[in-house]
N, C-alpha and C. Protein backbone atom coordinates (compact mmCIF):
# COMPACT_ATOMS: atom_id res chain seq x y z
N UNK A 1 -2.57 -49.37 -24.04
CA UNK A 1 -2.71 -49.30 -22.25
C UNK A 1 -1.42 -48.74 -21.54
N UNK A 2 -1.81 -47.94 -20.73
CA UNK A 2 -0.88 -47.28 -19.85
C UNK A 2 -0.49 -47.86 -18.71
N UNK A 3 0.88 -48.54 -18.52
CA UNK A 3 1.38 -49.14 -17.55
C UNK A 3 1.71 -48.49 -16.15
N UNK A 4 1.63 -47.29 -16.18
CA UNK A 4 1.94 -46.37 -14.95
C UNK A 4 0.82 -46.59 -14.13
N UNK A 5 1.32 -46.61 -12.66
CA UNK A 5 0.39 -46.66 -11.62
C UNK A 5 -0.70 -45.52 -11.57
N UNK A 6 -1.75 -45.62 -11.05
CA UNK A 6 -2.80 -44.62 -11.02
C UNK A 6 -2.34 -43.61 -9.90
N UNK A 7 -2.63 -42.30 -10.03
CA UNK A 7 -2.15 -41.47 -9.17
C UNK A 7 -3.58 -40.75 -8.51
N UNK A 8 -3.48 -40.62 -7.18
CA UNK A 8 -4.50 -39.96 -6.47
C UNK A 8 -4.23 -38.35 -6.65
N UNK A 9 -4.79 -37.81 -7.58
CA UNK A 9 -4.73 -36.50 -7.84
C UNK A 9 -4.73 -35.36 -6.68
N UNK A 10 -5.78 -35.70 -6.11
CA UNK A 10 -6.30 -35.07 -4.91
C UNK A 10 -5.06 -35.03 -3.78
N UNK A 11 -4.70 -36.24 -3.49
CA UNK A 11 -3.49 -36.17 -2.45
C UNK A 11 -2.37 -35.72 -3.04
N UNK A 12 -1.81 -35.94 -4.34
CA UNK A 12 -0.78 -35.33 -4.74
C UNK A 12 -0.76 -33.81 -5.01
N UNK A 13 -1.65 -33.27 -5.38
CA UNK A 13 -2.03 -32.04 -5.43
C UNK A 13 -2.01 -31.15 -3.91
N UNK A 14 -2.58 -31.84 -3.23
CA UNK A 14 -2.67 -31.51 -1.62
C UNK A 14 -1.16 -31.24 -1.24
N UNK A 15 -0.49 -32.41 -1.52
CA UNK A 15 0.97 -32.19 -1.17
C UNK A 15 1.53 -31.06 -1.73
N UNK A 16 1.52 -31.02 -2.81
CA UNK A 16 2.29 -29.99 -3.42
C UNK A 16 1.91 -28.39 -2.82
N UNK A 17 0.62 -28.33 -2.68
CA UNK A 17 -0.13 -27.05 -2.29
C UNK A 17 0.47 -26.94 -0.72
N UNK A 18 0.51 -27.97 -0.04
CA UNK A 18 1.18 -27.78 1.38
C UNK A 18 2.49 -27.54 1.33
N UNK A 19 3.33 -27.95 0.44
CA UNK A 19 4.71 -27.72 0.26
C UNK A 19 4.68 -26.01 0.04
N UNK A 20 3.84 -25.47 -0.84
CA UNK A 20 3.68 -24.07 -1.22
C UNK A 20 3.11 -23.35 0.01
N UNK A 21 2.38 -23.83 1.10
CA UNK A 21 2.04 -23.10 2.17
C UNK A 21 3.09 -23.10 3.00
N UNK A 22 3.96 -24.24 3.02
CA UNK A 22 5.09 -24.20 4.07
C UNK A 22 6.45 -23.14 3.77
N UNK A 23 6.27 -22.86 2.26
CA UNK A 23 7.25 -21.76 1.82
C UNK A 23 6.74 -20.71 2.08
N UNK A 24 5.21 -20.52 1.90
CA UNK A 24 4.91 -19.13 2.21
C UNK A 24 4.96 -18.76 3.60
N UNK A 25 4.96 -19.74 4.56
CA UNK A 25 4.95 -19.52 5.85
C UNK A 25 6.50 -19.19 6.14
N UNK A 26 7.45 -19.71 5.52
CA UNK A 26 9.04 -19.31 5.55
C UNK A 26 9.25 -18.01 5.33
N UNK A 27 8.61 -17.57 4.04
CA UNK A 27 8.73 -16.40 3.47
C UNK A 27 8.23 -15.05 4.53
N UNK A 28 7.02 -15.44 5.00
CA UNK A 28 6.26 -14.42 5.70
C UNK A 28 7.01 -14.30 7.20
N UNK A 29 7.32 -15.55 7.58
CA UNK A 29 8.19 -15.48 9.08
C UNK A 29 9.33 -14.59 8.67
N UNK A 30 10.51 -14.88 7.65
CA UNK A 30 11.42 -14.20 7.58
C UNK A 30 10.92 -12.66 7.15
N UNK A 31 9.99 -12.33 6.52
CA UNK A 31 9.57 -10.83 6.57
C UNK A 31 9.05 -10.22 7.46
N UNK A 32 8.50 -10.97 8.34
CA UNK A 32 8.05 -10.46 9.53
C UNK A 32 9.15 -10.16 10.50
N UNK A 33 10.06 -10.86 10.40
CA UNK A 33 11.32 -10.52 11.39
C UNK A 33 12.14 -9.21 10.82
N UNK A 34 12.14 -9.39 9.36
CA UNK A 34 12.84 -8.24 8.85
C UNK A 34 12.00 -6.56 9.04
N UNK A 35 10.73 -6.86 8.82
CA UNK A 35 9.94 -5.67 8.72
C UNK A 35 9.98 -5.23 10.23
N UNK A 36 9.96 -6.00 11.15
CA UNK A 36 9.92 -5.66 12.74
C UNK A 36 11.21 -4.82 13.04
N UNK A 37 12.53 -5.46 12.32
CA UNK A 37 13.98 -4.75 12.55
C UNK A 37 13.48 -3.23 11.90
N UNK A 38 12.86 -3.14 10.70
CA UNK A 38 12.84 -1.98 9.67
C UNK A 38 12.01 -0.72 10.58
N UNK A 39 10.93 -1.52 11.41
CA UNK A 39 10.04 -0.53 12.13
C UNK A 39 10.86 -0.01 13.19
N UNK A 40 11.83 -0.79 13.81
CA UNK A 40 12.58 -0.27 14.92
C UNK A 40 13.80 0.62 14.42
N UNK A 41 14.30 0.40 13.32
CA UNK A 41 15.33 1.34 12.80
C UNK A 41 14.91 2.44 12.02
N UNK A 42 13.43 2.61 11.42
CA UNK A 42 13.02 3.86 10.87
C UNK A 42 12.43 4.90 11.79
N UNK A 43 12.81 4.97 12.91
CA UNK A 43 12.37 6.04 13.94
C UNK A 43 12.46 7.41 13.56
N UNK A 44 13.38 7.48 12.62
CA UNK A 44 13.64 8.88 11.99
C UNK A 44 12.82 9.07 10.80
N UNK A 45 12.27 8.35 10.33
CA UNK A 45 11.48 8.44 9.16
C UNK A 45 10.18 8.10 9.40
N UNK A 46 9.09 8.73 9.85
CA UNK A 46 7.72 8.31 9.98
C UNK A 46 7.06 7.92 8.85
N UNK A 47 7.18 8.52 7.82
CA UNK A 47 6.46 8.29 6.39
C UNK A 47 6.57 6.89 6.15
N UNK A 48 7.98 6.24 6.20
CA UNK A 48 8.48 5.03 5.89
C UNK A 48 8.11 3.96 6.93
N UNK A 49 8.35 4.40 8.32
CA UNK A 49 7.87 3.40 9.30
C UNK A 49 6.45 3.15 9.44
N UNK A 50 5.68 4.13 9.09
CA UNK A 50 4.25 3.89 9.18
C UNK A 50 3.90 2.70 8.15
N UNK A 51 4.41 3.07 6.99
CA UNK A 51 3.87 2.07 5.82
C UNK A 51 4.66 0.69 6.11
N UNK A 52 5.73 0.58 6.76
CA UNK A 52 6.41 -0.58 7.13
C UNK A 52 5.48 -1.17 8.14
N UNK A 53 5.16 -0.49 9.28
CA UNK A 53 4.44 -1.06 10.25
C UNK A 53 3.09 -1.62 9.71
N UNK A 54 2.47 -0.83 8.95
CA UNK A 54 1.32 -1.49 8.18
C UNK A 54 1.25 -2.68 7.39
N UNK A 55 2.69 -2.90 6.94
CA UNK A 55 3.04 -4.15 6.02
C UNK A 55 3.16 -5.36 7.04
N UNK A 56 3.94 -4.67 8.19
CA UNK A 56 4.13 -5.84 9.28
C UNK A 56 3.02 -6.36 9.71
N UNK A 57 2.06 -5.60 10.00
CA UNK A 57 0.65 -5.94 10.74
C UNK A 57 -0.12 -7.13 9.55
N UNK A 58 0.00 -6.70 8.25
CA UNK A 58 -0.43 -7.55 7.33
C UNK A 58 0.19 -8.99 7.24
N UNK A 59 1.54 -8.81 7.32
CA UNK A 59 2.51 -9.98 7.31
C UNK A 59 2.04 -10.86 8.55
N UNK A 60 2.09 -10.34 9.46
CA UNK A 60 1.66 -11.14 10.94
C UNK A 60 0.30 -11.72 10.76
N UNK A 61 -0.61 -11.07 10.19
CA UNK A 61 -1.94 -11.67 9.95
C UNK A 61 -1.84 -12.72 8.74
N UNK A 62 -1.07 -12.40 7.90
CA UNK A 62 -1.07 -13.80 6.70
C UNK A 62 -0.20 -14.88 7.49
N UNK A 63 0.71 -14.72 8.30
CA UNK A 63 1.48 -15.73 8.90
C UNK A 63 0.69 -16.58 9.90
N UNK A 64 -0.36 -16.03 10.86
CA UNK A 64 -1.01 -16.49 11.63
C UNK A 64 -2.27 -17.37 10.62
N UNK A 65 -2.67 -16.82 9.54
CA UNK A 65 -3.69 -17.47 8.90
C UNK A 65 -3.03 -18.80 8.14
N UNK A 66 -1.84 -18.71 7.64
CA UNK A 66 -1.01 -19.63 6.77
C UNK A 66 -0.67 -20.88 7.86
N UNK A 67 -0.15 -20.46 9.04
CA UNK A 67 -0.27 -21.45 10.27
C UNK A 67 -1.40 -22.21 10.38
N UNK A 68 -2.67 -21.48 10.69
CA UNK A 68 -3.75 -22.06 10.88
C UNK A 68 -4.08 -23.12 9.58
N UNK A 69 -3.90 -22.70 8.38
CA UNK A 69 -3.97 -23.64 7.04
C UNK A 69 -3.17 -24.80 7.49
N UNK A 70 -1.98 -24.66 7.71
CA UNK A 70 -0.89 -25.86 7.85
C UNK A 70 -1.58 -26.81 8.96
N UNK A 71 -1.78 -26.37 10.00
CA UNK A 71 -2.46 -27.21 11.23
C UNK A 71 -4.02 -27.82 10.58
N UNK A 72 -4.62 -27.02 9.91
CA UNK A 72 -5.60 -27.79 9.38
C UNK A 72 -5.38 -29.08 8.55
N UNK A 73 -4.22 -28.93 7.84
CA UNK A 73 -3.87 -30.11 6.96
C UNK A 73 -2.88 -30.85 7.82
N UNK A 74 -2.86 -30.83 9.21
CA UNK A 74 -2.07 -31.57 9.95
C UNK A 74 -0.63 -31.55 9.76
N UNK A 75 -0.21 -30.49 9.32
CA UNK A 75 1.44 -30.43 9.11
C UNK A 75 1.95 -29.37 10.22
N UNK A 76 1.38 -28.85 11.14
CA UNK A 76 1.91 -28.10 12.16
C UNK A 76 2.70 -26.86 11.64
N UNK A 77 2.78 -25.94 12.53
CA UNK A 77 3.84 -24.78 12.23
C UNK A 77 5.09 -25.05 12.06
N UNK A 78 5.63 -24.72 10.91
CA UNK A 78 7.30 -25.06 10.90
C UNK A 78 7.99 -23.90 11.76
N UNK A 79 9.25 -24.36 12.18
CA UNK A 79 9.98 -23.43 12.76
C UNK A 79 10.28 -22.12 11.64
N UNK A 80 10.67 -21.08 12.06
CA UNK A 80 11.02 -20.33 11.29
C UNK A 80 12.38 -20.53 10.41
N UNK A 81 12.12 -20.27 9.00
CA UNK A 81 13.28 -20.67 8.24
C UNK A 81 14.14 -19.26 7.89
N UNK A 82 15.31 -19.10 8.53
CA UNK A 82 16.14 -17.95 7.99
C UNK A 82 16.26 -17.60 6.49
N UNK A 83 16.14 -16.61 6.07
CA UNK A 83 16.22 -15.89 4.75
C UNK A 83 17.35 -15.04 4.63
N UNK A 84 18.20 -15.20 3.95
CA UNK A 84 19.32 -14.26 3.77
C UNK A 84 19.23 -13.52 2.68
N UNK A 85 19.31 -11.95 3.03
CA UNK A 85 19.19 -10.95 2.24
C UNK A 85 20.53 -10.43 2.17
N UNK A 86 21.28 -10.40 1.03
CA UNK A 86 22.67 -10.00 1.11
C UNK A 86 22.59 -8.60 1.41
N UNK A 87 21.85 -7.70 0.95
CA UNK A 87 21.74 -6.61 1.11
C UNK A 87 21.77 -5.81 2.62
N UNK A 88 20.95 -6.65 3.38
CA UNK A 88 20.90 -6.19 4.73
C UNK A 88 22.41 -5.77 5.33
N UNK A 89 23.33 -6.67 5.46
CA UNK A 89 24.55 -6.35 5.84
C UNK A 89 25.08 -4.97 5.17
N UNK A 90 24.73 -4.75 3.87
CA UNK A 90 25.38 -3.49 3.40
C UNK A 90 24.75 -2.42 3.61
N UNK A 91 23.52 -2.37 3.93
CA UNK A 91 22.75 -1.26 4.51
C UNK A 91 22.19 -1.15 5.65
N UNK A 92 22.82 -2.11 6.61
CA UNK A 92 22.44 -2.06 8.06
C UNK A 92 22.08 -0.33 8.58
N UNK A 93 23.30 0.31 8.28
CA UNK A 93 22.85 1.87 9.00
C UNK A 93 22.20 2.69 7.90
N UNK A 94 21.60 2.23 7.09
CA UNK A 94 20.88 2.87 6.06
C UNK A 94 19.20 2.20 5.94
N UNK A 95 18.65 2.66 6.92
CA UNK A 95 17.32 1.84 7.02
C UNK A 95 16.38 2.03 5.64
N UNK A 96 16.33 3.31 5.08
CA UNK A 96 15.37 3.19 4.22
C UNK A 96 16.08 2.43 2.97
N UNK A 97 17.44 2.53 2.65
CA UNK A 97 17.77 1.70 1.55
C UNK A 97 17.64 0.10 1.94
N UNK A 98 17.89 -0.17 3.10
CA UNK A 98 17.58 -1.63 3.43
C UNK A 98 16.09 -1.86 3.38
N UNK A 99 15.09 -1.17 3.76
CA UNK A 99 13.80 -1.31 3.51
C UNK A 99 13.58 -1.72 2.03
N UNK A 100 14.06 -0.72 1.29
CA UNK A 100 13.79 -0.85 -0.18
C UNK A 100 14.41 -2.10 -0.80
N UNK A 101 15.49 -2.48 -0.38
CA UNK A 101 16.06 -3.86 -1.08
C UNK A 101 15.64 -4.80 -0.62
N UNK A 102 15.17 -5.09 0.83
CA UNK A 102 14.56 -6.19 1.47
C UNK A 102 13.27 -6.50 0.83
N UNK A 103 12.56 -5.61 0.90
CA UNK A 103 11.09 -5.64 0.33
C UNK A 103 11.41 -6.00 -1.41
N UNK A 104 12.23 -5.34 -2.03
CA UNK A 104 12.59 -5.63 -3.57
C UNK A 104 12.93 -7.37 -3.69
N UNK A 105 13.66 -7.64 -2.87
CA UNK A 105 14.37 -8.96 -2.85
C UNK A 105 13.08 -10.24 -2.84
N UNK A 106 12.14 -9.82 -1.79
CA UNK A 106 11.02 -10.77 -1.94
C UNK A 106 10.01 -10.62 -2.78
N UNK A 107 9.92 -9.62 -3.81
CA UNK A 107 8.93 -9.48 -4.50
C UNK A 107 8.58 -10.48 -5.33
N UNK A 108 9.52 -11.02 -6.27
CA UNK A 108 9.31 -12.06 -7.25
C UNK A 108 8.84 -13.31 -6.65
N UNK A 109 9.44 -13.67 -5.50
CA UNK A 109 9.36 -14.95 -4.94
C UNK A 109 7.78 -14.71 -4.23
N UNK A 110 7.43 -13.84 -3.63
CA UNK A 110 6.18 -13.72 -3.11
C UNK A 110 5.07 -13.64 -4.18
N UNK A 111 5.16 -13.03 -5.09
CA UNK A 111 4.16 -12.98 -6.41
C UNK A 111 4.06 -14.18 -6.89
N UNK A 112 5.28 -14.77 -7.25
CA UNK A 112 5.08 -16.14 -7.74
C UNK A 112 4.51 -17.22 -6.83
N UNK A 113 4.48 -17.15 -5.56
CA UNK A 113 4.25 -18.03 -4.73
C UNK A 113 3.09 -17.81 -4.60
N UNK A 114 2.20 -16.53 -4.30
CA UNK A 114 0.67 -16.58 -4.25
C UNK A 114 -0.07 -16.95 -5.34
N UNK A 115 0.64 -16.70 -6.45
CA UNK A 115 -0.15 -17.19 -7.76
C UNK A 115 0.02 -18.45 -7.96
N UNK A 116 0.98 -19.34 -7.46
CA UNK A 116 0.96 -20.68 -7.44
C UNK A 116 -0.01 -21.29 -6.55
N UNK A 117 -0.15 -20.58 -5.14
CA UNK A 117 -1.06 -21.02 -4.27
C UNK A 117 -2.63 -20.85 -4.65
N UNK A 118 -2.66 -19.70 -5.47
CA UNK A 118 -4.17 -19.31 -5.89
C UNK A 118 -4.50 -20.52 -6.92
N UNK A 119 -3.73 -20.63 -7.92
CA UNK A 119 -3.96 -21.94 -8.87
C UNK A 119 -4.12 -22.98 -8.34
N UNK A 120 -3.49 -23.62 -7.38
CA UNK A 120 -3.43 -25.04 -6.93
C UNK A 120 -4.49 -25.32 -5.69
N UNK A 121 -5.27 -24.34 -5.18
CA UNK A 121 -6.08 -24.35 -4.08
C UNK A 121 -7.16 -24.93 -4.39
N UNK A 122 -7.90 -24.84 -5.38
CA UNK A 122 -9.17 -25.44 -5.82
C UNK A 122 -8.75 -27.00 -6.27
N UNK A 123 -7.78 -27.28 -7.14
CA UNK A 123 -7.54 -28.77 -7.25
C UNK A 123 -6.95 -29.45 -6.04
N UNK A 124 -6.61 -28.52 -4.94
CA UNK A 124 -6.14 -29.26 -3.87
C UNK A 124 -7.36 -29.60 -2.84
N UNK A 125 -8.52 -29.07 -3.57
CA UNK A 125 -9.78 -29.26 -2.75
C UNK A 125 -9.91 -28.28 -1.49
N UNK A 126 -9.43 -27.12 -1.54
CA UNK A 126 -9.34 -26.01 -0.69
C UNK A 126 -9.73 -24.76 -1.32
N UNK A 127 -10.87 -24.71 -1.91
CA UNK A 127 -11.32 -23.41 -2.70
C UNK A 127 -11.54 -22.26 -1.62
N UNK A 128 -11.91 -22.56 -0.60
CA UNK A 128 -12.16 -21.66 0.31
C UNK A 128 -11.18 -20.73 0.69
N UNK A 129 -9.89 -21.06 0.51
CA UNK A 129 -8.68 -20.09 0.65
C UNK A 129 -8.33 -19.17 -0.40
N UNK A 130 -8.96 -19.46 -1.53
CA UNK A 130 -8.65 -18.62 -2.70
C UNK A 130 -8.87 -17.09 -2.51
N UNK A 131 -10.13 -16.56 -1.88
CA UNK A 131 -10.26 -15.31 -1.64
C UNK A 131 -9.06 -14.61 -0.57
N UNK A 132 -8.64 -15.38 0.44
CA UNK A 132 -7.60 -14.89 1.32
C UNK A 132 -6.32 -14.83 0.58
N UNK A 133 -6.09 -15.95 -0.03
CA UNK A 133 -4.82 -15.82 -1.07
C UNK A 133 -4.86 -14.81 -1.86
N UNK A 134 -5.86 -14.20 -2.67
CA UNK A 134 -5.88 -13.37 -3.62
C UNK A 134 -5.70 -11.99 -2.80
N UNK A 135 -6.40 -12.04 -1.74
CA UNK A 135 -5.92 -10.70 -1.04
C UNK A 135 -4.50 -10.36 -0.60
N UNK A 136 -4.00 -11.46 -0.25
CA UNK A 136 -2.57 -11.60 0.21
C UNK A 136 -1.63 -11.07 -1.13
N UNK A 137 -2.27 -11.54 -2.24
CA UNK A 137 -1.18 -11.44 -3.64
C UNK A 137 -1.31 -9.89 -3.90
N UNK A 138 -2.78 -9.44 -3.71
CA UNK A 138 -2.80 -8.00 -3.76
C UNK A 138 -2.26 -7.15 -2.76
N UNK A 139 -2.14 -7.39 -1.53
CA UNK A 139 -1.38 -6.72 -0.62
C UNK A 139 0.08 -6.72 -0.81
N UNK A 140 0.57 -7.76 -1.49
CA UNK A 140 1.83 -7.60 -1.93
C UNK A 140 2.27 -6.89 -2.82
N UNK A 141 1.52 -6.88 -3.99
CA UNK A 141 1.53 -5.92 -5.28
C UNK A 141 1.41 -4.43 -4.63
N UNK A 142 0.57 -4.02 -3.72
CA UNK A 142 0.34 -2.76 -3.41
C UNK A 142 1.65 -2.25 -2.79
N UNK A 143 2.06 -3.04 -1.83
CA UNK A 143 3.21 -2.63 -1.27
C UNK A 143 4.50 -2.40 -2.51
N UNK A 144 4.65 -3.31 -3.12
CA UNK A 144 5.54 -3.18 -4.39
C UNK A 144 5.23 -1.92 -5.29
N UNK A 145 4.07 -1.73 -5.62
CA UNK A 145 3.82 -0.47 -6.31
C UNK A 145 4.30 0.68 -5.56
N UNK A 146 3.75 0.71 -4.32
CA UNK A 146 4.30 2.02 -3.50
C UNK A 146 6.09 1.94 -3.55
N UNK A 147 6.58 1.04 -3.38
CA UNK A 147 8.06 0.84 -3.44
C UNK A 147 8.64 1.25 -4.73
N UNK A 148 7.84 0.80 -5.75
CA UNK A 148 8.11 1.17 -7.26
C UNK A 148 8.24 2.79 -7.48
N UNK A 149 7.00 3.26 -6.88
CA UNK A 149 7.00 4.57 -7.10
C UNK A 149 7.84 5.45 -6.13
N UNK A 150 8.44 4.99 -5.10
CA UNK A 150 9.16 5.73 -4.15
C UNK A 150 10.74 5.39 -4.04
N UNK A 151 10.96 4.54 -4.73
CA UNK A 151 12.51 3.83 -4.65
C UNK A 151 13.56 5.16 -4.85
N UNK A 152 13.47 5.75 -5.83
CA UNK A 152 14.34 7.00 -6.19
C UNK A 152 14.40 8.02 -5.01
N UNK A 153 13.10 8.41 -4.43
CA UNK A 153 13.01 9.45 -3.50
C UNK A 153 13.35 8.73 -2.23
N UNK A 154 13.21 7.46 -1.96
CA UNK A 154 13.68 7.10 -0.62
C UNK A 154 15.21 6.81 -0.56
N UNK A 155 15.88 6.60 -1.84
CA UNK A 155 17.47 6.61 -1.93
C UNK A 155 17.82 7.87 -1.62
N UNK A 156 17.14 8.80 -2.12
CA UNK A 156 17.42 10.27 -2.08
C UNK A 156 17.63 10.74 -0.74
N UNK A 157 16.35 10.62 0.06
CA UNK A 157 16.00 10.74 1.63
C UNK A 157 17.19 10.27 2.24
N UNK A 158 17.74 8.97 1.93
CA UNK A 158 18.78 8.41 2.80
C UNK A 158 19.93 9.03 2.54
N UNK A 159 20.35 9.36 1.39
CA UNK A 159 21.60 10.02 1.12
C UNK A 159 21.58 11.28 1.84
N UNK A 160 20.43 11.97 1.63
CA UNK A 160 20.46 13.24 2.38
C UNK A 160 20.61 13.11 4.01
N UNK A 161 19.99 12.19 4.37
CA UNK A 161 20.07 12.01 5.87
C UNK A 161 21.69 11.54 6.12
N UNK A 162 22.35 10.72 5.35
CA UNK A 162 23.61 10.49 5.29
C UNK A 162 24.52 11.77 5.09
N UNK A 163 24.05 12.84 4.61
CA UNK A 163 24.69 14.03 4.28
C UNK A 163 25.47 13.74 3.16
N UNK A 164 25.16 12.92 2.23
CA UNK A 164 25.74 12.45 1.07
C UNK A 164 25.07 13.88 -0.12
N UNK A 165 23.76 14.19 -0.01
CA UNK A 165 23.35 14.98 -0.78
C UNK A 165 22.84 16.26 0.14
N UNK A 166 22.83 17.34 -0.47
CA UNK A 166 22.38 18.58 0.36
C UNK A 166 20.98 18.60 0.61
N UNK A 167 20.38 19.14 1.72
CA UNK A 167 18.85 18.91 2.14
C UNK A 167 18.17 19.37 0.93
N UNK A 168 17.12 18.89 0.87
CA UNK A 168 15.94 19.23 -0.19
C UNK A 168 14.71 18.47 -0.05
N UNK A 169 13.59 18.83 0.23
CA UNK A 169 12.23 18.10 0.48
C UNK A 169 11.95 17.28 -0.74
N UNK A 170 11.67 16.15 -0.33
CA UNK A 170 11.41 14.98 -1.49
C UNK A 170 9.90 14.46 -1.06
N UNK A 171 8.95 14.31 -1.72
CA UNK A 171 7.71 14.29 -1.77
C UNK A 171 7.39 12.68 -2.07
N UNK A 172 6.75 11.84 -1.34
CA UNK A 172 6.59 10.61 -1.52
C UNK A 172 5.07 10.36 -1.87
N UNK A 173 5.02 9.56 -2.92
CA UNK A 173 3.68 9.03 -3.28
C UNK A 173 2.69 8.50 -1.96
N UNK A 174 1.22 8.80 -2.13
CA UNK A 174 0.79 8.14 -1.16
C UNK A 174 0.12 6.94 -1.68
N UNK A 175 -0.92 6.25 -0.89
CA UNK A 175 -1.65 5.10 -1.54
C UNK A 175 -2.89 5.45 -2.34
N UNK A 176 -3.03 6.94 -2.44
CA UNK A 176 -4.05 7.50 -3.25
C UNK A 176 -5.32 7.72 -2.62
């Protein structure tokens, strides 16, 4: 006979899921702020600014949606949590490199977090959130695939902009 007390799995899972949503809100809030700064800083690089502006719009949508879910769970929307990105201060005057490293820094966390939320939304009795969570995970993956394809070219463009390398055209991959 098991002497442990019975656990309300739905309540416990919902609590864990809520913690994940709070973390997702903090991540998206930090990303939104950083992306907005990047859009402002990338005025000389329209090819990258447009991509970051698109990601900013998606991030702001996710932030609003996650805020709605938190309200639905009677948790309210938490204050934005600052996220330290060490590369930011080192690349402040190099917006292409700052963009690449800032986005790369959030890659593993965002990927793991959305996979976690996808896995726990049904046990938390919130299966209707799964489709949106899968789309958000895919949006993150698409941005990082673009970044993977273009990281070297972005760095080369920044070095040429800084006059560290001689001018030469660099072609970036498109979304296909």
